[in-house]
Amino acid sequence: MKLALAALVLAATPAVAETFEVKMLNRGAAGPMIYQPDFLRIAPGDTVKFLATSTGHNAASIEGMAPEGAAPFKGQINEEIAFAPTVPGLYGVKCSPHYAMGMVMLIAVGDADPATVAIPEAVPDRARTRFEAIVEAAD
């Protein structure tokens, strides 16, 4: 009886969401103006915390690079911001001041396949190149 009760309690316990930290850097192993890591795979409800490791950066969603129904977000410059997506899919993230320099990252929520990311035409060339490298490395 006690074993059955314990199993029932454990089955009813919700999964604990995880928090993933992303550094916003002027320079990292992959070059200048990067998020580290630049790709994450998380579960719906997990949190991504963007750390103001270097000054002059923010984290913001990219219009057209989020699943339908996902809320956009935008942190202030030098602000740590937490983002907890609940809608499965692919999310493009940019540093607003360094977007044209290619400071972007990709977050896959749930079973989303990075290879299926749709990069809008308005994405700057360096950001597009960075996204292509992120997708290639994620395979």
C-alpha atoms as a PDB file:
ATOM      1  CA  MET A   1       0.000   0.000   0.000  1.00  0.00           C
ATOM      2  CA  LYS A   2       2.797   2.444   0.921  1.00  0.00           C
ATOM      3  CA  LEU A   3       4.643   1.644  -2.320  1.00  0.00           C
ATOM      4  CA  ALA A   4       1.512   2.305  -4.385  1.00  0.00           C
ATOM      5  CA  LEU A   5       0.923   5.601  -2.574  1.00  0.00           C
ATOM      6  CA  ALA A   6       4.540   6.678  -3.135  1.00  0.00           C
ATOM      7  CA  ALA A   7       4.282   5.830  -6.849  1.00  0.00           C
ATOM      8  CA  LEU A   8       1.060   7.835  -7.099  1.00  0.00           C
ATOM      9  CA  VAL A   9       2.639  10.884  -5.431  1.00  0.00           C
ATOM     10  CA  LEU A  10       5.692  10.734  -7.689  1.00  0.00           C
ATOM     11  CA  ALA A  11       3.540  10.392 -10.802  1.00  0.00           C
ATOM     12  CA  ALA A  12       1.511  13.455  -9.787  1.00  0.00           C
ATOM     13  CA  THR A  13       4.619  15.580  -9.158  1.00  0.00           C
ATOM     14  CA  PRO A  14       5.089  18.033 -12.032  1.00  0.00           C
ATOM     15  CA  ALA A  15       8.374  18.039 -13.910  1.00  0.00           C
ATOM     16  CA  VAL A  16      10.744  20.708 -12.696  1.00  0.00           C
ATOM     17  CA  ALA A  17      11.523  23.312 -15.321  1.00  0.00           C
ATOM     18  CA  GLU A  18      15.192  24.016 -15.953  1.00  0.00           C
ATOM     19  CA  THR A  19      16.984  27.343 -16.289  1.00  0.00           C
ATOM     20  CA  PHE A  20      19.629  27.771 -18.979  1.00  0.00           C
ATOM     21  CA  GLU A  21      22.097  30.661 -18.870  1.00  0.00           C
ATOM     22  CA  VAL A  22      23.295  32.450 -21.999  1.00  0.00           C
ATOM     23  CA  LYS A  23      26.171  34.918 -21.861  1.00  0.00           C
ATOM     24  CA  MET A  24      26.028  38.052 -24.012  1.00  0.00           C
ATOM     25  CA  LEU A  25      29.665  38.613 -25.030  1.00  0.00           C
ATOM     26  CA  ASN A  26      31.779  41.079 -26.988  1.00  0.00           C
ATOM     27  CA  ARG A  27      34.054  38.186 -27.960  1.00  0.00           C
ATOM     28  CA  GLY A  28      34.018  34.440 -27.466  1.00  0.00           C
ATOM     29  CA  ALA A  29      35.463  31.259 -28.940  1.00  0.00           C
ATOM     30  CA  ALA A  30      33.225  31.642 -32.028  1.00  0.00           C
ATOM     31  CA  GLY A  31      34.281  35.246 -32.676  1.00  0.00           C
ATOM     32  CA  PRO A  32      33.054  38.755 -31.893  1.00  0.00           C
ATOM     33  CA  MET A  33      29.564  39.721 -30.733  1.00  0.00           C
ATOM     34  CA  ILE A  34      28.122  36.360 -29.717  1.00  0.00           C
ATOM     35  CA  TYR A  35      25.718  34.632 -27.437  1.00  0.00           C
ATOM     36  CA  GLN A  36      27.320  31.712 -25.626  1.00  0.00           C
ATOM     37  CA  PRO A  37      25.866  29.217 -26.280  1.00  0.00           C
ATOM     38  CA  ASP A  38      24.338  30.281 -29.594  1.00  0.00           C
ATOM     39  CA  PHE A  39      21.999  27.258 -29.747  1.00  0.00           C
ATOM     40  CA  LEU A  40      19.827  25.706 -27.068  1.00  0.00           C
ATOM     41  CA  ARG A  41      17.327  22.865 -27.065  1.00  0.00           C
ATOM     42  CA  ILE A  42      14.888  23.254 -24.195  1.00  0.00           C
ATOM     43  CA  ALA A  43      11.503  21.951 -23.081  1.00  0.00           C
ATOM     44  CA  PRO A  44       8.378  24.111 -23.068  1.00  0.00           C
ATOM     45  CA  GLY A  45       8.321  26.037 -19.784  1.00  0.00           C
ATOM     46  CA  ASP A  46      12.098  25.992 -19.308  1.00  0.00           C
ATOM     47  CA  THR A  47      13.707  29.396 -18.800  1.00  0.00           C
ATOM     48  CA  VAL A  48      16.532  30.989 -20.742  1.00  0.00           C
ATOM     49  CA  LYS A  49      18.307  33.650 -18.703  1.00  0.00           C
ATOM     50  CA  PHE A  50      20.381  36.093 -20.733  1.00  0.00           C
ATOM     51  CA  LEU A  51      23.327  37.340 -18.660  1.00  0.00           C
ATOM     52  CA  ALA A  52      24.752  40.823 -19.185  1.00  0.00           C
ATOM     53  CA  THR A  53      28.307  39.467 -19.192  1.00  0.00           C
ATOM     54  CA  SER A  54      29.708  42.213 -21.442  1.00  0.00           C
ATOM     55  CA  THR A  55      28.203  45.691 -21.695  1.00  0.00           C
ATOM     56  CA  GLY A  56      26.234  47.015 -24.650  1.00  0.00           C
ATOM     57  CA  HIS A  57      24.028  43.993 -25.386  1.00  0.00           C
ATOM     58  CA  ASN A  58      20.428  42.898 -25.071  1.00  0.00           C
ATOM     59  CA  ALA A  59      18.285  39.933 -26.084  1.00  0.00           C
ATOM     60  CA  ALA A  60      15.187  40.344 -28.237  1.00  0.00           C
ATOM     61  CA  SER A  61      12.982  38.108 -30.334  1.00  0.00           C
ATOM     62  CA  ILE A  62      13.271  38.396 -34.115  1.00  0.00           C
ATOM     63  CA  GLU A  63      10.043  39.194 -35.942  1.00  0.00           C
ATOM     64  CA  GLY A  64       9.078  36.240 -38.120  1.00  0.00           C
ATOM     65  CA  MET A  65      11.326  33.773 -36.270  1.00  0.00           C
ATOM     66  CA  ALA A  66       8.984  32.410 -33.621  1.00  0.00           C
ATOM     67  CA  PRO A  67       6.118  29.933 -33.649  1.00  0.00           C
ATOM     68  CA  GLU A  68       2.601  31.241 -34.140  1.00  0.00           C
ATOM     69  CA  GLY A  69       1.137  32.355 -30.823  1.00  0.00           C
ATOM     70  CA  ALA A  70       4.511  32.972 -29.155  1.00  0.00           C
ATOM     71  CA  ALA A  71       4.848  36.279 -27.324  1.00  0.00           C
ATOM     72  CA  PRO A  72       7.707  38.556 -28.428  1.00  0.00           C
ATOM     73  CA  PHE A  73      10.251  39.797 -25.887  1.00  0.00           C
ATOM     74  CA  LYS A  74      12.880  42.531 -25.739  1.00  0.00           C
ATOM     75  CA  GLY A  75      15.342  43.267 -22.966  1.00  0.00           C
ATOM     76  CA  GLN A  76      16.975  46.619 -22.375  1.00  0.00           C
ATOM     77  CA  ILE A  77      20.675  47.186 -23.067  1.00  0.00           C
ATOM     78  CA  ASN A  78      22.846  45.773 -20.229  1.00  0.00           C
ATOM     79  CA  GLU A  79      19.782  44.083 -18.694  1.00  0.00           C
ATOM     80  CA  GLU A  80      19.596  40.464 -17.637  1.00  0.00           C
ATOM     81  CA  ILE A  81      16.334  39.085 -18.934  1.00  0.00           C
ATOM     82  CA  ALA A  82      14.580  35.748 -18.540  1.00  0.00           C
ATOM     83  CA  PHE A  83      12.518  34.190 -21.316  1.00  0.00           C
ATOM     84  CA  ALA A  84      10.327  31.126 -20.682  1.00  0.00           C
ATOM     85  CA  PRO A  85       8.708  29.968 -23.931  1.00  0.00           C
ATOM     86  CA  THR A  86       5.752  27.610 -23.669  1.00  0.00           C
ATOM     87  CA  VAL A  87       4.956  27.245 -27.379  1.00  0.00           C
ATOM     88  CA  PRO A  88       7.078  24.554 -29.079  1.00  0.00           C
ATOM     89  CA  GLY A  89       9.057  25.645 -32.116  1.00  0.00           C
ATOM     90  CA  LEU A  90      12.099  27.627 -33.194  1.00  0.00           C
ATOM     91  CA  TYR A  91      12.915  31.065 -31.785  1.00  0.00           C
ATOM     92  CA  GLY A  92      15.413  33.477 -33.304  1.00  0.00           C
ATOM     93  CA  VAL A  93      17.065  35.859 -30.843  1.00  0.00           C
ATOM     94  CA  LYS A  94      19.080  38.990 -31.639  1.00  0.00           C
ATOM     95  CA  CYS A  95      21.137  41.640 -29.902  1.00  0.00           C
ATOM     96  CA  SER A  96      19.469  44.786 -31.231  1.00  0.00           C
ATOM     97  CA  PRO A  97      22.639  46.946 -31.488  1.00  0.00           C
ATOM     98  CA  HIS A  98      24.744  44.119 -32.977  1.00  0.00           C
ATOM     99  CA  TYR A  99      22.178  42.360 -35.167  1.00  0.00           C
ATOM    100  CA  ALA A 100      23.844  43.483 -38.413  1.00  0.00           C
ATOM    101  CA  MET A 101      27.144  42.139 -37.037  1.00  0.00           C
ATOM    102  CA  GLY A 102      25.580  38.686 -36.681  1.00  0.00           C
ATOM    103  CA  MET A 103      24.887  38.554 -32.935  1.00  0.00           C
ATOM    104  CA  VAL A 104      22.056  36.013 -33.002  1.00  0.00           C
ATOM    105  CA  MET A 105      21.114  32.684 -31.487  1.00  0.00           C
ATOM    106  CA  LEU A 106      18.540  29.948 -32.048  1.00  0.00           C
ATOM    107  CA  ILE A 107      16.391  28.260 -29.415  1.00  0.00           C
ATOM    108  CA  ALA A 108      14.609  24.999 -30.236  1.00  0.00           C
ATOM    109  CA  VAL A 109      11.692  24.378 -27.885  1.00  0.00           C
ATOM    110  CA  GLY A 110      10.448  20.812 -27.739  1.00  0.00           C
ATOM    111  CA  ASP A 111      11.152  18.585 -30.740  1.00  0.00           C
ATOM    112  CA  ALA A 112      11.598  21.437 -33.235  1.00  0.00           C
ATOM    113  CA  ASP A 113      14.160  20.609 -35.933  1.00  0.00           C
ATOM    114  CA  PRO A 114      16.721  23.436 -36.386  1.00  0.00           C
ATOM    115  CA  ALA A 115      17.125  22.460 -40.048  1.00  0.00           C
ATOM    116  CA  THR A 116      13.559  23.651 -40.677  1.00  0.00           C
ATOM    117  CA  VAL A 117      14.183  27.229 -39.477  1.00  0.00           C
ATOM    118  CA  ALA A 118      12.739  29.863 -41.788  1.00  0.00           C
ATOM    119  CA  ILE A 119      15.048  32.876 -41.899  1.00  0.00           C
ATOM    120  CA  PRO A 120      13.121  35.982 -42.996  1.00  0.00           C
ATOM    121  CA  GLU A 121      14.471  37.976 -45.946  1.00  0.00           C
ATOM    122  CA  ALA A 122      14.917  41.045 -43.713  1.00  0.00           C
ATOM    123  CA  VAL A 123      17.609  39.310 -41.616  1.00  0.00           C
ATOM    124  CA  PRO A 124      20.994  41.018 -42.225  1.00  0.00           C
ATOM    125  CA  ASP A 125      23.599  39.027 -44.183  1.00  0.00           C
ATOM    126  CA  ARG A 126      25.970  38.405 -41.255  1.00  0.00           C
ATOM    127  CA  ALA A 127      23.087  37.284 -39.053  1.00  0.00           C
ATOM    128  CA  ARG A 128      21.878  34.951 -41.832  1.00  0.00           C
ATOM    129  CA  THR A 129      25.388  33.480 -42.131  1.00  0.00           C
ATOM    130  CA  ARG A 130      25.555  32.988 -38.353  1.00  0.00           C
ATOM    131  CA  PHE A 131      22.142  31.272 -38.329  1.00  0.00           C
ATOM    132  CA  GLU A 132      23.294  28.934 -41.108  1.00  0.00           C
ATOM    133  CA  ALA A 133      26.399  28.024 -39.077  1.00  0.00           C
ATOM    134  CA  ILE A 134      24.278  27.469 -35.947  1.00  0.00           C
ATOM    135  CA  VAL A 135      21.931  25.128 -37.842  1.00  0.00           C
ATOM    136  CA  GLU A 136      24.856  23.212 -39.358  1.00  0.00           C
ATOM    137  CA  ALA A 137      26.481  22.746 -35.934  1.00  0.00           C
ATOM    138  CA  ALA A 138      23.166  21.668 -34.376  1.00  0.00           C
ATOM    139  CA  ASP A 139      22.778  18.747 -36.826  1.00  0.00           C
END
